[in-house]
Amino acid sequence: MELNETVELMNSADYKDRFIAEYWQNKIRYNKLQNMVNNWDNLKFEPICPLSTYLLQLEYMRKYIAILEIRAVAEDIIL
C-alpha cells in the first residue's frame, strides 16, 4: 500500500476507516524511514540530522504502531 491509497479511508465518516488509514500511513512512513536508515552509507543525499535522531524517531514510531495494533484488537478493527 502507498500513502495515496489511504486518502479515501482518511476522508471517511467512519472512524474505523480513518483509524485504518492512520495505521497504514504510519506503517508506510516507518518502513520508508527504516529503509533510509538501513542504507545510511549509500544515500544519494546528505541527511541534516544525525543517524541517532532518525533511530529515535523510528523507536517512537514503532511504539505508536504497536499501540495502534493493540487498539485495533480491542476495538475489533481489521488492519
PDB file of N, CA and C in Angstrom:
ATOM      1  N   MET A   1       0.841  -1.180   0.000  1.00  0.00           N
ATOM      2  CA  MET A   1       0.000   0.000   0.000  1.00  0.00           C
ATOM      3  C   MET A   1       0.885   1.243   0.000  1.00  0.00           C
ATOM      4  N   GLU A   2       0.444   2.268  -0.697  1.00  0.00           N
ATOM      5  CA  GLU A   2       1.149   3.549  -0.741  1.00  0.00           C
ATOM      6  C   GLU A   2       0.288   4.612  -0.068  1.00  0.00           C
ATOM      7  N   LEU A   3       0.911   5.720   0.314  1.00  0.00           N
ATOM      8  CA  LEU A   3       0.190   6.778   1.010  1.00  0.00           C
ATOM      9  C   LEU A   3      -1.044   7.250   0.250  1.00  0.00           C
ATOM     10  N   ASN A   4      -0.922   7.408  -1.055  1.00  0.00           N
ATOM     11  CA  ASN A   4      -2.058   7.912  -1.830  1.00  0.00           C
ATOM     12  C   ASN A   4      -3.252   6.954  -1.806  1.00  0.00           C
ATOM     13  N   GLU A   5      -3.012   5.707  -1.481  1.00  0.00           N
ATOM     14  CA  GLU A   5      -4.095   4.729  -1.404  1.00  0.00           C
ATOM     15  C   GLU A   5      -4.876   4.827  -0.092  1.00  0.00           C
ATOM     16  N   THR A   6      -4.416   5.653   0.835  1.00  0.00           N
ATOM     17  CA  THR A   6      -5.082   5.809   2.127  1.00  0.00           C
ATOM     18  C   THR A   6      -6.014   7.015   2.162  1.00  0.00           C
ATOM     19  N   VAL A   7      -6.015   7.824   1.110  1.00  0.00           N
ATOM     20  CA  VAL A   7      -6.781   9.071   1.101  1.00  0.00           C
ATOM     21  C   VAL A   7      -8.274   8.834   1.292  1.00  0.00           C
ATOM     22  N   GLU A   8      -8.827   7.891   0.565  1.00  0.00           N
ATOM     23  CA  GLU A   8     -10.266   7.629   0.667  1.00  0.00           C
ATOM     24  C   GLU A   8     -10.644   7.214   2.087  1.00  0.00           C
ATOM     25  N   LEU A   9      -9.832   6.342   2.683  1.00  0.00           N
ATOM     26  CA  LEU A   9     -10.091   5.926   4.063  1.00  0.00           C
ATOM     27  C   LEU A   9      -9.986   7.113   5.019  1.00  0.00           C
ATOM     28  N   MET A  10      -9.001   7.970   4.826  1.00  0.00           N
ATOM     29  CA  MET A  10      -8.793   9.109   5.713  1.00  0.00           C
ATOM     30  C   MET A  10      -9.966  10.093   5.635  1.00  0.00           C
ATOM     31  N   ASN A  11     -10.621  10.172   4.500  1.00  0.00           N
ATOM     32  CA  ASN A  11     -11.737  11.096   4.318  1.00  0.00           C
ATOM     33  C   ASN A  11     -13.093  10.483   4.697  1.00  0.00           C
ATOM     34  N   SER A  12     -13.090   9.259   5.155  1.00  0.00           N
ATOM     35  CA  SER A  12     -14.328   8.563   5.501  1.00  0.00           C
ATOM     36  C   SER A  12     -14.983   9.173   6.748  1.00  0.00           C
ATOM     37  N   ALA A  13     -16.290   9.064   6.820  1.00  0.00           N
ATOM     38  CA  ALA A  13     -17.026   9.481   8.016  1.00  0.00           C
ATOM     39  C   ALA A  13     -16.906   8.438   9.131  1.00  0.00           C
ATOM     40  N   ASP A  14     -16.502   7.229   8.776  1.00  0.00           N
ATOM     41  CA  ASP A  14     -16.368   6.126   9.738  1.00  0.00           C
ATOM     42  C   ASP A  14     -14.998   6.186  10.416  1.00  0.00           C
ATOM     43  N   TYR A  15     -15.003   6.290  11.746  1.00  0.00           N
ATOM     44  CA  TYR A  15     -13.733   6.401  12.466  1.00  0.00           C
ATOM     45  C   TYR A  15     -12.851   5.169  12.269  1.00  0.00           C
ATOM     46  N   LYS A  16     -13.455   4.024  12.032  1.00  0.00           N
ATOM     47  CA  LYS A  16     -12.653   2.815  11.832  1.00  0.00           C
ATOM     48  C   LYS A  16     -11.848   2.915  10.531  1.00  0.00           C
ATOM     49  N   ASP A  17     -12.459   3.457   9.504  1.00  0.00           N
ATOM     50  CA  ASP A  17     -11.724   3.670   8.252  1.00  0.00           C
ATOM     51  C   ASP A  17     -10.577   4.657   8.458  1.00  0.00           C
ATOM     52  N   ARG A  18     -10.840   5.749   9.185  1.00  0.00           N
ATOM     53  CA  ARG A  18      -9.793   6.738   9.442  1.00  0.00           C
ATOM     54  C   ARG A  18      -8.679   6.131  10.292  1.00  0.00           C
ATOM     55  N   PHE A  19      -9.057   5.259  11.218  1.00  0.00           N
ATOM     56  CA  PHE A  19      -8.079   4.569  12.055  1.00  0.00           C
ATOM     57  C   PHE A  19      -7.181   3.680  11.189  1.00  0.00           C
ATOM     58  N   ILE A  20      -7.797   2.935  10.280  1.00  0.00           N
ATOM     59  CA  ILE A  20      -7.030   2.065   9.375  1.00  0.00           C
ATOM     60  C   ILE A  20      -6.078   2.908   8.529  1.00  0.00           C
ATOM     61  N   ALA A  21      -6.550   4.038   8.035  1.00  0.00           N
ATOM     62  CA  ALA A  21      -5.698   4.925   7.235  1.00  0.00           C
ATOM     63  C   ALA A  21      -4.526   5.432   8.069  1.00  0.00           C
ATOM     64  N   GLU A  22      -4.806   5.838   9.294  1.00  0.00           N
ATOM     65  CA  GLU A  22      -3.743   6.333  10.178  1.00  0.00           C
ATOM     66  C   GLU A  22      -2.687   5.251  10.409  1.00  0.00           C
ATOM     67  N   TYR A  23      -3.159   4.054  10.663  1.00  0.00           N
ATOM     68  CA  TYR A  23      -2.241   2.935  10.886  1.00  0.00           C
ATOM     69  C   TYR A  23      -1.343   2.719   9.662  1.00  0.00           C
ATOM     70  N   TRP A  24      -1.962   2.617   8.477  1.00  0.00           N
ATOM     71  CA  TRP A  24      -1.184   2.339   7.277  1.00  0.00           C
ATOM     72  C   TRP A  24      -0.267   3.499   6.904  1.00  0.00           C
ATOM     73  N   GLN A  25      -0.692   4.718   7.131  1.00  0.00           N
ATOM     74  CA  GLN A  25       0.180   5.864   6.860  1.00  0.00           C
ATOM     75  C   GLN A  25       1.423   5.799   7.735  1.00  0.00           C
ATOM     76  N   ASN A  26       1.222   5.455   8.990  1.00  0.00           N
ATOM     77  CA  ASN A  26       2.367   5.346   9.891  1.00  0.00           C
ATOM     78  C   ASN A  26       3.268   4.178   9.519  1.00  0.00           C
ATOM     79  N   LYS A  27       2.682   3.035   9.161  1.00  0.00           N
ATOM     80  CA  LYS A  27       3.481   1.879   8.740  1.00  0.00           C
ATOM     81  C   LYS A  27       4.304   2.207   7.494  1.00  0.00           C
ATOM     82  N   ILE A  28       3.684   2.872   6.531  1.00  0.00           N
ATOM     83  CA  ILE A  28       4.385   3.229   5.293  1.00  0.00           C
ATOM     84  C   ILE A  28       5.541   4.165   5.597  1.00  0.00           C
ATOM     85  N   ARG A  29       5.282   5.191   6.399  1.00  0.00           N
ATOM     86  CA  ARG A  29       6.346   6.151   6.750  1.00  0.00           C
ATOM     87  C   ARG A  29       7.460   5.468   7.548  1.00  0.00           C
ATOM     88  N   TYR A  30       7.072   4.579   8.465  1.00  0.00           N
ATOM     89  CA  TYR A  30       8.053   3.849   9.253  1.00  0.00           C
ATOM     90  C   TYR A  30       8.952   3.010   8.339  1.00  0.00           C
ATOM     91  N   ASN A  31       8.348   2.268   7.428  1.00  0.00           N
ATOM     92  CA  ASN A  31       9.119   1.404   6.527  1.00  0.00           C
ATOM     93  C   ASN A  31      10.071   2.209   5.645  1.00  0.00           C
ATOM     94  N   LYS A  32       9.617   3.372   5.186  1.00  0.00           N
ATOM     95  CA  LYS A  32      10.483   4.210   4.340  1.00  0.00           C
ATOM     96  C   LYS A  32      11.647   4.781   5.136  1.00  0.00           C
ATOM     97  N   LEU A  33      11.364   5.201   6.364  1.00  0.00           N
ATOM     98  CA  LEU A  33      12.447   5.717   7.203  1.00  0.00           C
ATOM     99  C   LEU A  33      13.413   4.599   7.574  1.00  0.00           C
ATOM    100  N   GLN A  34      12.890   3.418   7.873  1.00  0.00           N
ATOM    101  CA  GLN A  34      13.743   2.268   8.181  1.00  0.00           C
ATOM    102  C   GLN A  34      14.636   1.936   6.989  1.00  0.00           C
ATOM    103  N   ASN A  35      14.090   1.997   5.806  1.00  0.00           N
ATOM    104  CA  ASN A  35      14.865   1.746   4.597  1.00  0.00           C
ATOM    105  C   ASN A  35      15.989   2.781   4.453  1.00  0.00           C
ATOM    106  N   MET A  36      15.670   4.035   4.743  1.00  0.00           N
ATOM    107  CA  MET A  36      16.692   5.077   4.661  1.00  0.00           C
ATOM    108  C   MET A  36      17.824   4.802   5.658  1.00  0.00           C
ATOM    109  N   VAL A  37      17.455   4.451   6.874  1.00  0.00           N
ATOM    110  CA  VAL A  37      18.458   4.163   7.905  1.00  0.00           C
ATOM    111  C   VAL A  37      19.285   2.942   7.521  1.00  0.00           C
ATOM    112  N   ASN A  38      18.639   1.929   6.967  1.00  0.00           N
ATOM    113  CA  ASN A  38      19.358   0.724   6.554  1.00  0.00           C
ATOM    114  C   ASN A  38      20.368   1.003   5.444  1.00  0.00           C
ATOM    115  N   ASN A  39      20.121   2.026   4.656  1.00  0.00           N
ATOM    116  CA  ASN A  39      21.011   2.381   3.547  1.00  0.00           C
ATOM    117  C   ASN A  39      21.800   3.660   3.830  1.00  0.00           C
ATOM    118  N   TRP A  40      22.011   3.942   5.091  1.00  0.00           N
ATOM    119  CA  TRP A  40      22.619   5.189   5.544  1.00  0.00           C
ATOM    120  C   TRP A  40      23.917   5.530   4.807  1.00  0.00           C
ATOM    121  N   ASP A  41      24.764   4.550   4.616  1.00  0.00           N
ATOM    122  CA  ASP A  41      26.077   4.803   3.993  1.00  0.00           C
ATOM    123  C   ASP A  41      25.999   4.958   2.478  1.00  0.00           C
ATOM    124  N   ASN A  42      24.865   4.705   1.881  1.00  0.00           N
ATOM    125  CA  ASN A  42      24.724   4.789   0.429  1.00  0.00           C
ATOM    126  C   ASN A  42      23.640   5.761  -0.020  1.00  0.00           C
ATOM    127  N   LEU A  43      23.282   6.703   0.832  1.00  0.00           N
ATOM    128  CA  LEU A  43      22.236   7.662   0.477  1.00  0.00           C
ATOM    129  C   LEU A  43      22.725   8.612  -0.604  1.00  0.00           C
ATOM    130  N   LYS A  44      21.788   9.066  -1.427  1.00  0.00           N
ATOM    131  CA  LYS A  44      22.135   9.976  -2.515  1.00  0.00           C
ATOM    132  C   LYS A  44      21.952  11.424  -2.092  1.00  0.00           C
ATOM    133  N   PHE A  45      21.788  11.642  -0.793  1.00  0.00           N
ATOM    134  CA  PHE A  45      21.670  12.990  -0.256  1.00  0.00           C
ATOM    135  C   PHE A  45      22.341  13.014   1.113  1.00  0.00           C
ATOM    136  N   GLU A  46      22.578  14.200   1.616  1.00  0.00           N
ATOM    137  CA  GLU A  46      23.225  14.377   2.921  1.00  0.00           C
ATOM    138  C   GLU A  46      22.141  14.670   3.958  1.00  0.00           C
ATOM    139  N   PRO A  47      21.865  13.725   4.861  1.00  0.00           N
ATOM    140  CA  PRO A  47      20.855  13.975   5.885  1.00  0.00           C
ATOM    141  C   PRO A  47      21.263  15.155   6.775  1.00  0.00           C
ATOM    142  N   ILE A  48      20.285  15.924   7.184  1.00  0.00           N
ATOM    143  CA  ILE A  48      20.557  17.071   8.045  1.00  0.00           C
ATOM    144  C   ILE A  48      20.773  16.628   9.483  1.00  0.00           C
ATOM    145  N   CYS A  49      19.946  15.705   9.948  1.00  0.00           N
ATOM    146  CA  CYS A  49      20.042  15.223  11.325  1.00  0.00           C
ATOM    147  C   CYS A  49      21.016  14.053  11.416  1.00  0.00           C
ATOM    148  N   PRO A  50      21.585  13.850  12.594  1.00  0.00           N
ATOM    149  CA  PRO A  50      22.445  12.675  12.773  1.00  0.00           C
ATOM    150  C   PRO A  50      21.615  11.393  12.782  1.00  0.00           C
ATOM    151  N   LEU A  51      22.255  10.291  12.517  1.00  0.00           N
ATOM    152  CA  LEU A  51      21.593   8.986  12.493  1.00  0.00           C
ATOM    153  C   LEU A  51      20.835   8.731  13.796  1.00  0.00           C
ATOM    154  N   SER A  52      21.386   9.139  14.911  1.00  0.00           N
ATOM    155  CA  SER A  52      20.747   8.905  16.216  1.00  0.00           C
ATOM    156  C   SER A  52      19.349   9.521  16.285  1.00  0.00           C
ATOM    157  N   THR A  53      19.145  10.635  15.631  1.00  0.00           N
ATOM    158  CA  THR A  53      17.828  11.279  15.616  1.00  0.00           C
ATOM    159  C   THR A  53      16.828  10.415  14.868  1.00  0.00           C
ATOM    160  N   TYR A  54      17.230   9.884  13.735  1.00  0.00           N
ATOM    161  CA  TYR A  54      16.343   9.031  12.949  1.00  0.00           C
ATOM    162  C   TYR A  54      16.049   7.725  13.680  1.00  0.00           C
ATOM    163  N   LEU A  55      17.040   7.203  14.381  1.00  0.00           N
ATOM    164  CA  LEU A  55      16.827   5.975  15.148  1.00  0.00           C
ATOM    165  C   LEU A  55      15.839   6.207  16.286  1.00  0.00           C
ATOM    166  N   LEU A  56      15.926   7.366  16.931  1.00  0.00           N
ATOM    167  CA  LEU A  56      14.975   7.706  17.986  1.00  0.00           C
ATOM    168  C   LEU A  56      13.573   7.855  17.415  1.00  0.00           C
ATOM    169  N   GLN A  57      13.469   8.485  16.273  1.00  0.00           N
ATOM    170  CA  GLN A  57      12.178   8.631  15.609  1.00  0.00           C
ATOM    171  C   GLN A  57      11.596   7.262  15.284  1.00  0.00           C
ATOM    172  N   LEU A  58      12.410   6.362  14.766  1.00  0.00           N
ATOM    173  CA  LEU A  58      11.943   5.004  14.456  1.00  0.00           C
ATOM    174  C   LEU A  58      11.444   4.286  15.704  1.00  0.00           C
ATOM    175  N   GLU A  59      12.150   4.459  16.807  1.00  0.00           N
ATOM    176  CA  GLU A  59      11.748   3.813  18.060  1.00  0.00           C
ATOM    177  C   GLU A  59      10.335   4.245  18.461  1.00  0.00           C
ATOM    178  N   TYR A  60      10.087   5.550  18.410  1.00  0.00           N
ATOM    179  CA  TYR A  60       8.781   6.040  18.818  1.00  0.00           C
ATOM    180  C   TYR A  60       7.699   5.733  17.785  1.00  0.00           C
ATOM    181  N   MET A  61       8.049   5.704  16.534  1.00  0.00           N
ATOM    182  CA  MET A  61       7.091   5.299  15.506  1.00  0.00           C
ATOM    183  C   MET A  61       6.698   3.839  15.718  1.00  0.00           C
ATOM    184  N   ARG A  62       7.681   3.003  16.031  1.00  0.00           N
ATOM    185  CA  ARG A  62       7.432   1.577  16.277  1.00  0.00           C
ATOM    186  C   ARG A  62       6.473   1.411  17.461  1.00  0.00           C
ATOM    187  N   LYS A  63       6.696   2.198  18.521  1.00  0.00           N
ATOM    188  CA  LYS A  63       5.823   2.124  19.693  1.00  0.00           C
ATOM    189  C   LYS A  63       4.405   2.588  19.357  1.00  0.00           C
ATOM    190  N   TYR A  64       4.293   3.641  18.581  1.00  0.00           N
ATOM    191  CA  TYR A  64       2.985   4.156  18.203  1.00  0.00           C
ATOM    192  C   TYR A  64       2.232   3.136  17.349  1.00  0.00           C
ATOM    193  N   ILE A  65       2.922   2.501  16.439  1.00  0.00           N
ATOM    194  CA  ILE A  65       2.304   1.459  15.605  1.00  0.00           C
ATOM    195  C   ILE A  65       1.827   0.301  16.489  1.00  0.00           C
ATOM    196  N   ALA A  66       2.627  -0.064  17.479  1.00  0.00           N
ATOM    197  CA  ALA A  66       2.245  -1.146  18.392  1.00  0.00           C
ATOM    198  C   ALA A  66       0.989  -0.769  19.181  1.00  0.00           C
ATOM    199  N   ILE A  67       0.886   0.484  19.602  1.00  0.00           N
ATOM    200  CA  ILE A  67      -0.309   0.945  20.317  1.00  0.00           C
ATOM    201  C   ILE A  67      -1.526   0.886  19.400  1.00  0.00           C
ATOM    202  N   LEU A  68      -1.358   1.306  18.156  1.00  0.00           N
ATOM    203  CA  LEU A  68      -2.464   1.233  17.211  1.00  0.00           C
ATOM    204  C   LEU A  68      -2.909  -0.212  17.000  1.00  0.00           C
ATOM    205  N   GLU A  69      -1.966  -1.133  16.966  1.00  0.00           N
ATOM    206  CA  GLU A  69      -2.306  -2.545  16.795  1.00  0.00           C
ATOM    207  C   GLU A  69      -3.075  -3.077  18.003  1.00  0.00           C
ATOM    208  N   ILE A  70      -2.691  -2.646  19.199  1.00  0.00           N
ATOM    209  CA  ILE A  70      -3.408  -3.055  20.413  1.00  0.00           C
ATOM    210  C   ILE A  70      -4.832  -2.505  20.390  1.00  0.00           C
ATOM    211  N   ARG A  71      -4.970  -1.235  20.027  1.00  0.00           N
ATOM    212  CA  ARG A  71      -6.304  -0.624  19.919  1.00  0.00           C
ATOM    213  C   ARG A  71      -7.149  -1.336  18.877  1.00  0.00           C
ATOM    214  N   ALA A  72      -6.549  -1.693  17.757  1.00  0.00           N
ATOM    215  CA  ALA A  72      -7.291  -2.367  16.700  1.00  0.00           C
ATOM    216  C   ALA A  72      -7.909  -3.669  17.216  1.00  0.00           C
ATOM    217  N   VAL A  73      -7.148  -4.417  17.969  1.00  0.00           N
ATOM    218  CA  VAL A  73      -7.673  -5.671  18.535  1.00  0.00           C
ATOM    219  C   VAL A  73      -8.812  -5.356  19.513  1.00  0.00           C
ATOM    220  N   ALA A  74      -8.597  -4.387  20.392  1.00  0.00           N
ATOM    221  CA  ALA A  74      -9.597  -4.038  21.402  1.00  0.00           C
ATOM    222  C   ALA A  74     -10.886  -3.519  20.767  1.00  0.00           C
ATOM    223  N   GLU A  75     -10.758  -2.770  19.663  1.00  0.00           N
ATOM    224  CA  GLU A  75     -11.911  -2.156  19.027  1.00  0.00           C
ATOM    225  C   GLU A  75     -12.435  -2.958  17.836  1.00  0.00           C
ATOM    226  N   ASP A  76     -11.900  -4.167  17.676  1.00  0.00           N
ATOM    227  CA  ASP A  76     -12.347  -5.077  16.614  1.00  0.00           C
ATOM    228  C   ASP A  76     -12.225  -4.442  15.215  1.00  0.00           C
ATOM    229  N   ILE A  77     -11.038  -3.866  14.972  1.00  0.00           N
ATOM    230  CA  ILE A  77     -10.752  -3.241  13.685  1.00  0.00           C
ATOM    231  C   ILE A  77      -9.733  -4.117  12.954  1.00  0.00           C
ATOM    232  N   ILE A  78     -10.059  -4.524  11.761  1.00  0.00           N
ATOM    233  CA  ILE A  78      -9.164  -5.355  10.971  1.00  0.00           C
ATOM    234  C   ILE A  78      -8.221  -4.468  10.173  1.00  0.00           C
ATOM    235  N   LEU A  79      -6.941  -4.588  10.457  1.00  0.00           N
ATOM    236  CA  LEU A  79      -5.943  -3.808   9.754  1.00  0.00           C
ATOM    237  C   LEU A  79      -5.481  -4.567   8.542  1.00  0.00           C
TER     238      LEU A  79
END
